């Protein structure tokens, strides 16, 4: 019977994690799908590139909660069902995997930074504080969300192992950290190339909107007019000769 409760906790965590709040909140607020602009990542940082801070904050909060609440639920109600801290940690990992590969959104998810943070805060609040401080310091100094996330992801399992000792939860945190680094592969390449976008930089929601088309048309018209003007002047010059 205990194995059934463990399976139920893992499946429940995965389903909760599959709720892509970046897409849900953007739709509710009449914004463009975050998978259509910027980094195309359905997460809070990319939603912020839409220019709507409220949507980005809501996405951040709900993405963190969907990692935090499943773990907390197992920690509170699990003991009476024979579920311990190990099940709670791997339920958090299941929620994280749901964010990466959401069953409700064609398995096209985000990178999982906020969800991983929620899981870590539920497993060990003090570890969550240390990890968050690592993120904040890197983001404040370098203004790269991806670099801050990578730093926090790398340090989190080491904090856990060195301060509290290796536990079963350390394995779940280490797996999340490895997956976070893997999901940031494109960002790592951009960081090395110096082309990674910084925090607070707004991205166009559509690649070629009507205004852009109009501006291009005006530019082309000006270019044609200038070309014609130069050609006319050249003709007059030849006539003079």
C-alpha atoms as a PDB file:
ATOM      1  CA  UNK A   1       0.000   0.000   0.000  1.00  0.00           C
ATOM      2  CA  UNK A   2       2.868   2.341   0.782  1.00  0.00           C
ATOM      3  CA  UNK A   3       4.232   1.958  -2.749  1.00  0.00           C
ATOM      4  CA  UNK A   4       0.873   3.097  -4.116  1.00  0.00           C
ATOM      5  CA  UNK A   5       0.992   6.246  -1.994  1.00  0.00           C
ATOM      6  CA  UNK A   6       4.535   6.938  -3.196  1.00  0.00           C
ATOM      7  CA  UNK A   7       3.424   6.517  -6.817  1.00  0.00           C
ATOM      8  CA  UNK A   8       0.425   8.800  -6.198  1.00  0.00           C
ATOM      9  CA  UNK A   9       2.694  11.469  -4.684  1.00  0.00           C
ATOM     10  CA  UNK A  10       5.091  11.339  -7.631  1.00  0.00           C
ATOM     11  CA  UNK A  11       2.329  11.450 -10.247  1.00  0.00           C
ATOM     12  CA  UNK A  12       0.564  14.254  -8.371  1.00  0.00           C
ATOM     13  CA  UNK A  13       3.782  16.249  -8.207  1.00  0.00           C
ATOM     14  CA  UNK A  14       4.373  15.777 -11.927  1.00  0.00           C
ATOM     15  CA  UNK A  15       0.832  16.888 -12.836  1.00  0.00           C
ATOM     16  CA  UNK A  16       1.065  20.000 -10.670  1.00  0.00           C
ATOM     17  CA  UNK A  17       4.439  20.795 -12.216  1.00  0.00           C
ATOM     18  CA  UNK A  18       2.923  20.424 -15.696  1.00  0.00           C
ATOM     19  CA  UNK A  19       0.866  23.588 -15.186  1.00  0.00           C
ATOM     20  CA  UNK A  20       2.787  26.106 -17.301  1.00  0.00           C
ATOM     21  CA  UNK A  21       1.865  29.343 -15.546  1.00  0.00           C
ATOM     22  CA  UNK A  22       3.868  31.504 -17.961  1.00  0.00           C
ATOM     23  CA  UNK A  23       1.451  30.471 -20.714  1.00  0.00           C
ATOM     24  CA  UNK A  24      -1.656  30.393 -18.498  1.00  0.00           C
ATOM     25  CA  UNK A  25      -1.089  33.851 -16.994  1.00  0.00           C
ATOM     26  CA  UNK A  26      -0.072  35.386 -20.337  1.00  0.00           C
ATOM     27  CA  UNK A  27      -3.290  34.126 -21.919  1.00  0.00           C
ATOM     28  CA  UNK A  28      -5.378  35.352 -18.983  1.00  0.00           C
ATOM     29  CA  UNK A  29      -3.820  38.832 -19.225  1.00  0.00           C
ATOM     30  CA  UNK A  30      -4.130  39.040 -23.024  1.00  0.00           C
ATOM     31  CA  UNK A  31      -0.379  38.853 -23.665  1.00  0.00           C
ATOM     32  CA  UNK A  32       1.501  37.053 -26.401  1.00  0.00           C
ATOM     33  CA  UNK A  33       2.496  33.459 -25.817  1.00  0.00           C
ATOM     34  CA  UNK A  34       5.958  33.582 -24.148  1.00  0.00           C
ATOM     35  CA  UNK A  35       7.003  30.722 -26.417  1.00  0.00           C
ATOM     36  CA  UNK A  36       6.740  33.106 -29.396  1.00  0.00           C
ATOM     37  CA  UNK A  37       9.271  35.806 -28.456  1.00  0.00           C
ATOM     38  CA  UNK A  38      12.553  36.452 -26.673  1.00  0.00           C
ATOM     39  CA  UNK A  39      14.182  33.210 -25.580  1.00  0.00           C
ATOM     40  CA  UNK A  40      10.894  31.389 -26.301  1.00  0.00           C
ATOM     41  CA  UNK A  41      11.156  29.952 -22.793  1.00  0.00           C
ATOM     42  CA  UNK A  42       7.859  29.787 -20.846  1.00  0.00           C
ATOM     43  CA  UNK A  43       9.267  31.268 -17.653  1.00  0.00           C
ATOM     44  CA  UNK A  44       9.152  34.449 -15.580  1.00  0.00           C
ATOM     45  CA  UNK A  45      12.300  35.997 -17.073  1.00  0.00           C
ATOM     46  CA  UNK A  46      10.981  35.724 -20.616  1.00  0.00           C
ATOM     47  CA  UNK A  47       7.526  36.968 -19.594  1.00  0.00           C
ATOM     48  CA  UNK A  48       9.300  40.030 -18.166  1.00  0.00           C
ATOM     49  CA  UNK A  49      10.623  40.730 -21.675  1.00  0.00           C
ATOM     50  CA  UNK A  50       7.009  41.405 -22.717  1.00  0.00           C
ATOM     51  CA  UNK A  51       7.185  44.536 -20.575  1.00  0.00           C
ATOM     52  CA  UNK A  52       4.456  43.378 -18.177  1.00  0.00           C
ATOM     53  CA  UNK A  53       6.059  43.161 -14.726  1.00  0.00           C
ATOM     54  CA  UNK A  54       2.851  41.996 -13.021  1.00  0.00           C
ATOM     55  CA  UNK A  55       2.615  38.980 -15.330  1.00  0.00           C
ATOM     56  CA  UNK A  56       6.274  38.151 -14.727  1.00  0.00           C
ATOM     57  CA  UNK A  57       5.876  38.347 -10.937  1.00  0.00           C
ATOM     58  CA  UNK A  58       2.748  36.171 -10.984  1.00  0.00           C
ATOM     59  CA  UNK A  59       4.531  33.629 -13.177  1.00  0.00           C
ATOM     60  CA  UNK A  60       7.487  33.555 -10.804  1.00  0.00           C
ATOM     61  CA  UNK A  61       5.294  33.092  -7.730  1.00  0.00           C
ATOM     62  CA  UNK A  62       3.092  30.351  -9.169  1.00  0.00           C
ATOM     63  CA  UNK A  63       6.017  28.486 -10.754  1.00  0.00           C
ATOM     64  CA  UNK A  64       7.731  28.477  -7.356  1.00  0.00           C
ATOM     65  CA  UNK A  65       4.548  27.396  -5.560  1.00  0.00           C
ATOM     66  CA  UNK A  66       4.037  24.407  -7.836  1.00  0.00           C
ATOM     67  CA  UNK A  67       7.415  23.141  -6.666  1.00  0.00           C
ATOM     68  CA  UNK A  68       6.903  24.117  -3.031  1.00  0.00           C
ATOM     69  CA  UNK A  69       3.376  22.894  -2.337  1.00  0.00           C
ATOM     70  CA  UNK A  70       3.689  19.230  -3.455  1.00  0.00           C
ATOM     71  CA  UNK A  71       6.763  18.802  -1.240  1.00  0.00           C
ATOM     72  CA  UNK A  72       5.064  20.530   1.675  1.00  0.00           C
ATOM     73  CA  UNK A  73       1.962  18.363   1.263  1.00  0.00           C
ATOM     74  CA  UNK A  74       4.031  15.173   1.537  1.00  0.00           C
ATOM     75  CA  UNK A  75       5.956  16.519   4.533  1.00  0.00           C
ATOM     76  CA  UNK A  76       2.695  17.370   6.339  1.00  0.00           C
ATOM     77  CA  UNK A  77       0.416  14.466   5.435  1.00  0.00           C
ATOM     78  CA  UNK A  78       2.928  11.868   4.282  1.00  0.00           C
ATOM     79  CA  UNK A  79       4.094  10.497   7.669  1.00  0.00           C
ATOM     80  CA  UNK A  80       0.659   9.079   8.504  1.00  0.00           C
ATOM     81  CA  UNK A  81       0.826   7.212   5.168  1.00  0.00           C
ATOM     82  CA  UNK A  82       4.353   6.003   5.717  1.00  0.00           C
ATOM     83  CA  UNK A  83       5.933   8.617   3.415  1.00  0.00           C
ATOM     84  CA  UNK A  84       9.141  10.271   4.565  1.00  0.00           C
ATOM     85  CA  UNK A  85      11.450  13.096   3.536  1.00  0.00           C
ATOM     86  CA  UNK A  86      12.887  11.057   0.674  1.00  0.00           C
ATOM     87  CA  UNK A  87       9.446  10.761  -0.946  1.00  0.00           C
ATOM     88  CA  UNK A  88       8.896  14.478  -0.404  1.00  0.00           C
ATOM     89  CA  UNK A  89      12.190  15.318  -2.134  1.00  0.00           C
ATOM     90  CA  UNK A  90      11.460  13.111  -5.131  1.00  0.00           C
ATOM     91  CA  UNK A  91       7.908  14.468  -5.339  1.00  0.00           C
ATOM     92  CA  UNK A  92       9.548  17.865  -5.742  1.00  0.00           C
ATOM     93  CA  UNK A  93      11.782  16.426  -8.441  1.00  0.00           C
ATOM     94  CA  UNK A  94       8.665  15.079 -10.177  1.00  0.00           C
ATOM     95  CA  UNK A  95       7.116  18.577 -10.093  1.00  0.00           C
ATOM     96  CA  UNK A  96      10.337  19.955 -11.573  1.00  0.00           C
ATOM     97  CA  UNK A  97      10.235  17.362 -14.365  1.00  0.00           C
ATOM     98  CA  UNK A  98       6.613  18.336 -15.004  1.00  0.00           C
ATOM     99  CA  UNK A  99       7.710  21.924 -15.564  1.00  0.00           C
ATOM    100  CA  UNK A 100      10.405  20.815 -18.007  1.00  0.00           C
ATOM    101  CA  UNK A 101       8.145  18.403 -19.883  1.00  0.00           C
ATOM    102  CA  UNK A 102       4.514  19.375 -19.131  1.00  0.00           C
ATOM    103  CA  UNK A 103       1.939  16.817 -20.214  1.00  0.00           C
ATOM    104  CA  UNK A 104      -0.654  19.593 -20.673  1.00  0.00           C
ATOM    105  CA  UNK A 105       1.526  21.629 -23.056  1.00  0.00           C
ATOM    106  CA  UNK A 106       2.896  19.066 -25.519  1.00  0.00           C
ATOM    107  CA  UNK A 107       5.890  18.416 -23.252  1.00  0.00           C
ATOM    108  CA  UNK A 108       7.303  21.852 -24.176  1.00  0.00           C
ATOM    109  CA  UNK A 109       8.244  23.441 -20.874  1.00  0.00           C
ATOM    110  CA  UNK A 110      10.621  25.928 -19.341  1.00  0.00           C
ATOM    111  CA  UNK A 111      13.986  25.670 -17.657  1.00  0.00           C
ATOM    112  CA  UNK A 112      12.598  25.194 -14.162  1.00  0.00           C
ATOM    113  CA  UNK A 113      14.540  27.769 -12.141  1.00  0.00           C
ATOM    114  CA  UNK A 114      11.585  29.054 -10.087  1.00  0.00           C
ATOM    115  CA  UNK A 115      10.121  25.560  -9.628  1.00  0.00           C
ATOM    116  CA  UNK A 116      13.484  24.209  -8.445  1.00  0.00           C
ATOM    117  CA  UNK A 117      13.723  27.103  -6.003  1.00  0.00           C
ATOM    118  CA  UNK A 118      10.288  26.231  -4.623  1.00  0.00           C
ATOM    119  CA  UNK A 119      11.316  22.595  -4.180  1.00  0.00           C
ATOM    120  CA  UNK A 120      14.535  23.545  -2.387  1.00  0.00           C
ATOM    121  CA  UNK A 121      12.754  25.974  -0.039  1.00  0.00           C
ATOM    122  CA  UNK A 122      10.295  23.222   0.915  1.00  0.00           C
ATOM    123  CA  UNK A 123      13.015  20.601   1.470  1.00  0.00           C
ATOM    124  CA  UNK A 124      15.335  22.907   3.421  1.00  0.00           C
ATOM    125  CA  UNK A 125      14.347  26.592   3.898  1.00  0.00           C
ATOM    126  CA  UNK A 126      17.854  27.632   4.938  1.00  0.00           C
ATOM    127  CA  UNK A 127      19.336  25.972   1.870  1.00  0.00           C
ATOM    128  CA  UNK A 128      16.751  27.888  -0.150  1.00  0.00           C
ATOM    129  CA  UNK A 129      17.956  31.167   1.368  1.00  0.00           C
ATOM    130  CA  UNK A 130      21.614  30.402   0.569  1.00  0.00           C
ATOM    131  CA  UNK A 131      20.731  29.400  -2.985  1.00  0.00           C
ATOM    132  CA  UNK A 132      18.572  32.481  -3.502  1.00  0.00           C
ATOM    133  CA  UNK A 133      21.348  34.746  -2.203  1.00  0.00           C
ATOM    134  CA  UNK A 134      23.728  33.179  -4.712  1.00  0.00           C
ATOM    135  CA  UNK A 135      21.257  33.977  -7.499  1.00  0.00           C
ATOM    136  CA  UNK A 136      20.653  37.557  -6.325  1.00  0.00           C
ATOM    137  CA  UNK A 137      24.355  38.383  -5.995  1.00  0.00           C
ATOM    138  CA  UNK A 138      25.202  37.089  -9.468  1.00  0.00           C
ATOM    139  CA  UNK A 139      22.184  38.799 -11.038  1.00  0.00           C
ATOM    140  CA  UNK A 140      22.987  42.106  -9.314  1.00  0.00           C
ATOM    141  CA  UNK A 141      26.617  42.117 -10.424  1.00  0.00           C
ATOM    142  CA  UNK A 142      26.338  40.741 -13.943  1.00  0.00           C
ATOM    143  CA  UNK A 143      22.655  41.329 -14.899  1.00  0.00           C
ATOM    144  CA  UNK A 144      22.392  37.900 -16.530  1.00  0.00           C
ATOM    145  CA  UNK A 145      19.520  35.775 -15.250  1.00  0.00           C
ATOM    146  CA  UNK A 146      20.944  32.662 -16.905  1.00  0.00           C
ATOM    147  CA  UNK A 147      24.369  33.096 -15.275  1.00  0.00           C
ATOM    148  CA  UNK A 148      22.743  33.635 -11.882  1.00  0.00           C
ATOM    149  CA  UNK A 149      20.597  30.527 -12.339  1.00  0.00           C
ATOM    150  CA  UNK A 150      23.575  28.417 -13.375  1.00  0.00           C
ATOM    151  CA  UNK A 151      25.583  29.583 -10.367  1.00  0.00           C
ATOM    152  CA  UNK A 152      22.735  28.840  -7.952  1.00  0.00           C
ATOM    153  CA  UNK A 153      22.135  25.441  -9.568  1.00  0.00           C
ATOM    154  CA  UNK A 154      25.780  24.418  -9.227  1.00  0.00           C
ATOM    155  CA  UNK A 155      26.115  25.572  -5.614  1.00  0.00           C
ATOM    156  CA  UNK A 156      22.806  24.186  -4.247  1.00  0.00           C
ATOM    157  CA  UNK A 157      23.801  20.485  -3.976  1.00  0.00           C
ATOM    158  CA  UNK A 158      27.217  21.448  -2.583  1.00  0.00           C
ATOM    159  CA  UNK A 159      25.616  23.633   0.088  1.00  0.00           C
ATOM    160  CA  UNK A 160      23.349  20.727   1.030  1.00  0.00           C
ATOM    161  CA  UNK A 161      26.146  18.146   1.156  1.00  0.00           C
ATOM    162  CA  UNK A 162      28.752  20.294   2.914  1.00  0.00           C
ATOM    163  CA  UNK A 163      26.516  21.951   5.532  1.00  0.00           C
ATOM    164  CA  UNK A 164      23.893  19.289   6.265  1.00  0.00           C
ATOM    165  CA  UNK A 165      25.674  16.214   4.983  1.00  0.00           C
ATOM    166  CA  UNK A 166      24.733  13.936   2.070  1.00  0.00           C
ATOM    167  CA  UNK A 167      21.121  12.760   2.349  1.00  0.00           C
ATOM    168  CA  UNK A 168      18.565  11.237   0.005  1.00  0.00           C
ATOM    169  CA  UNK A 169      17.288  14.748  -0.731  1.00  0.00           C
ATOM    170  CA  UNK A 170      20.791  15.682  -1.900  1.00  0.00           C
ATOM    171  CA  UNK A 171      20.379  13.278  -4.815  1.00  0.00           C
ATOM    172  CA  UNK A 172      17.080  14.891  -5.870  1.00  0.00           C
ATOM    173  CA  UNK A 173      18.652  18.357  -5.658  1.00  0.00           C
ATOM    174  CA  UNK A 174      21.710  17.200  -7.631  1.00  0.00           C
ATOM    175  CA  UNK A 175      19.514  15.784 -10.411  1.00  0.00           C
ATOM    176  CA  UNK A 176      17.604  19.090 -10.629  1.00  0.00           C
ATOM    177  CA  UNK A 177      20.891  20.989 -10.767  1.00  0.00           C
ATOM    178  CA  UNK A 178      22.245  18.866 -13.612  1.00  0.00           C
ATOM    179  CA  UNK A 179      19.024  19.260 -15.572  1.00  0.00           C
ATOM    180  CA  UNK A 180      19.053  23.018 -14.991  1.00  0.00           C
ATOM    181  CA  UNK A 181      22.565  23.284 -16.402  1.00  0.00           C
ATOM    182  CA  UNK A 182      21.581  21.110 -19.374  1.00  0.00           C
ATOM    183  CA  UNK A 183      18.482  23.245 -20.076  1.00  0.00           C
ATOM    184  CA  UNK A 184      20.702  26.345 -20.115  1.00  0.00           C
ATOM    185  CA  UNK A 185      22.993  24.980 -22.838  1.00  0.00           C
ATOM    186  CA  UNK A 186      21.930  27.640 -25.347  1.00  0.00           C
ATOM    187  CA  UNK A 187      22.376  30.365 -22.723  1.00  0.00           C
ATOM    188  CA  UNK A 188      25.875  29.106 -21.944  1.00  0.00           C
ATOM    189  CA  UNK A 189      26.784  29.423 -25.622  1.00  0.00           C
ATOM    190  CA  UNK A 190      25.379  32.958 -25.740  1.00  0.00           C
ATOM    191  CA  UNK A 191      27.229  33.924 -22.570  1.00  0.00           C
ATOM    192  CA  UNK A 192      30.503  32.705 -24.074  1.00  0.00           C
ATOM    193  CA  UNK A 193      29.746  34.563 -27.314  1.00  0.00           C
ATOM    194  CA  UNK A 194      28.699  37.743 -25.482  1.00  0.00           C
ATOM    195  CA  UNK A 195      25.240  37.743 -27.062  1.00  0.00           C
ATOM    196  CA  UNK A 196      23.122  36.794 -24.020  1.00  0.00           C
ATOM    197  CA  UNK A 197      20.383  39.328 -23.223  1.00  0.00           C
ATOM    198  CA  UNK A 198      20.464  41.021 -19.841  1.00  0.00           C
ATOM    199  CA  UNK A 199      17.719  41.388 -17.254  1.00  0.00           C
ATOM    200  CA  UNK A 200      15.171  44.105 -17.988  1.00  0.00           C
ATOM    201  CA  UNK A 201      15.711  44.083 -21.774  1.00  0.00           C
ATOM    202  CA  UNK A 202      12.339  44.089 -23.503  1.00  0.00           C
ATOM    203  CA  UNK A 203      11.849  41.767 -26.463  1.00  0.00           C
ATOM    204  CA  UNK A 204       9.382  42.302 -29.296  1.00  0.00           C
ATOM    205  CA  UNK A 205       6.352  40.047 -28.872  1.00  0.00           C
ATOM    206  CA  UNK A 206       6.087  39.484 -32.615  1.00  0.00           C
ATOM    207  CA  UNK A 207       8.989  39.112 -35.028  1.00  0.00           C
ATOM    208  CA  UNK A 208       7.475  41.328 -37.739  1.00  0.00           C
ATOM    209  CA  UNK A 209       4.537  43.420 -36.672  1.00  0.00           C
ATOM    210  CA  UNK A 210       2.577  45.912 -38.832  1.00  0.00           C
ATOM    211  CA  UNK A 211       4.632  48.824 -37.518  1.00  0.00           C
ATOM    212  CA  UNK A 212       7.858  47.131 -38.499  1.00  0.00           C
ATOM    213  CA  UNK A 213       6.508  46.377 -41.961  1.00  0.00           C
ATOM    214  CA  UNK A 214       5.402  49.991 -42.316  1.00  0.00           C
ATOM    215  CA  UNK A 215       8.793  51.271 -41.172  1.00  0.00           C
ATOM    216  CA  UNK A 216      10.539  48.973 -43.638  1.00  0.00           C
ATOM    217  CA  UNK A 217       8.278  50.203 -46.377  1.00  0.00           C
ATOM    218  CA  UNK A 218       9.062  53.831 -45.571  1.00  0.00           C
ATOM    219  CA  UNK A 219      12.753  52.996 -45.442  1.00  0.00           C
ATOM    220  CA  UNK A 220      12.572  51.283 -48.832  1.00  0.00           C
ATOM    221  CA  UNK A 221      10.680  54.223 -50.283  1.00  0.00           C
ATOM    222  CA  UNK A 222      13.288  56.655 -48.959  1.00  0.00           C
ATOM    223  CA  UNK A 223      16.071  54.469 -50.314  1.00  0.00           C
ATOM    224  CA  UNK A 224      14.382  54.352 -53.744  1.00  0.00           C
ATOM    225  CA  UNK A 225      13.860  58.112 -53.696  1.00  0.00           C
ATOM    226  CA  UNK A 226      17.468  58.759 -52.728  1.00  0.00           C
ATOM    227  CA  UNK A 227      18.687  56.348 -55.404  1.00  0.00           C
ATOM    228  CA  UNK A 228      16.568  58.126 -57.995  1.00  0.00           C
ATOM    229  CA  UNK A 229      17.842  61.509 -56.829  1.00  0.00           C
ATOM    230  CA  UNK A 230      21.451  60.397 -57.141  1.00  0.00           C
ATOM    231  CA  UNK A 231      20.741  58.941 -60.581  1.00  0.00           C
ATOM    232  CA  UNK A 232      19.152  62.218 -61.712  1.00  0.00           C
ATOM    233  CA  UNK A 233      22.117  64.202 -60.435  1.00  0.00           C
ATOM    234  CA  UNK A 234      24.517  61.844 -62.197  1.00  0.00           C
ATOM    235  CA  UNK A 235      22.588  62.324 -65.459  1.00  0.00           C
ATOM    236  CA  UNK A 236      22.814  66.106 -65.159  1.00  0.00           C
ATOM    237  CA  UNK A 237      26.516  65.814 -64.483  1.00  0.00           C
ATOM    238  CA  UNK A 238      27.058  63.750 -67.643  1.00  0.00           C
ATOM    239  CA  UNK A 239      24.947  66.186 -69.687  1.00  0.00           C
ATOM    240  CA  UNK A 240      27.106  69.036 -68.472  1.00  0.00           C
ATOM    241  CA  UNK A 241      30.184  67.231 -69.712  1.00  0.00           C
END
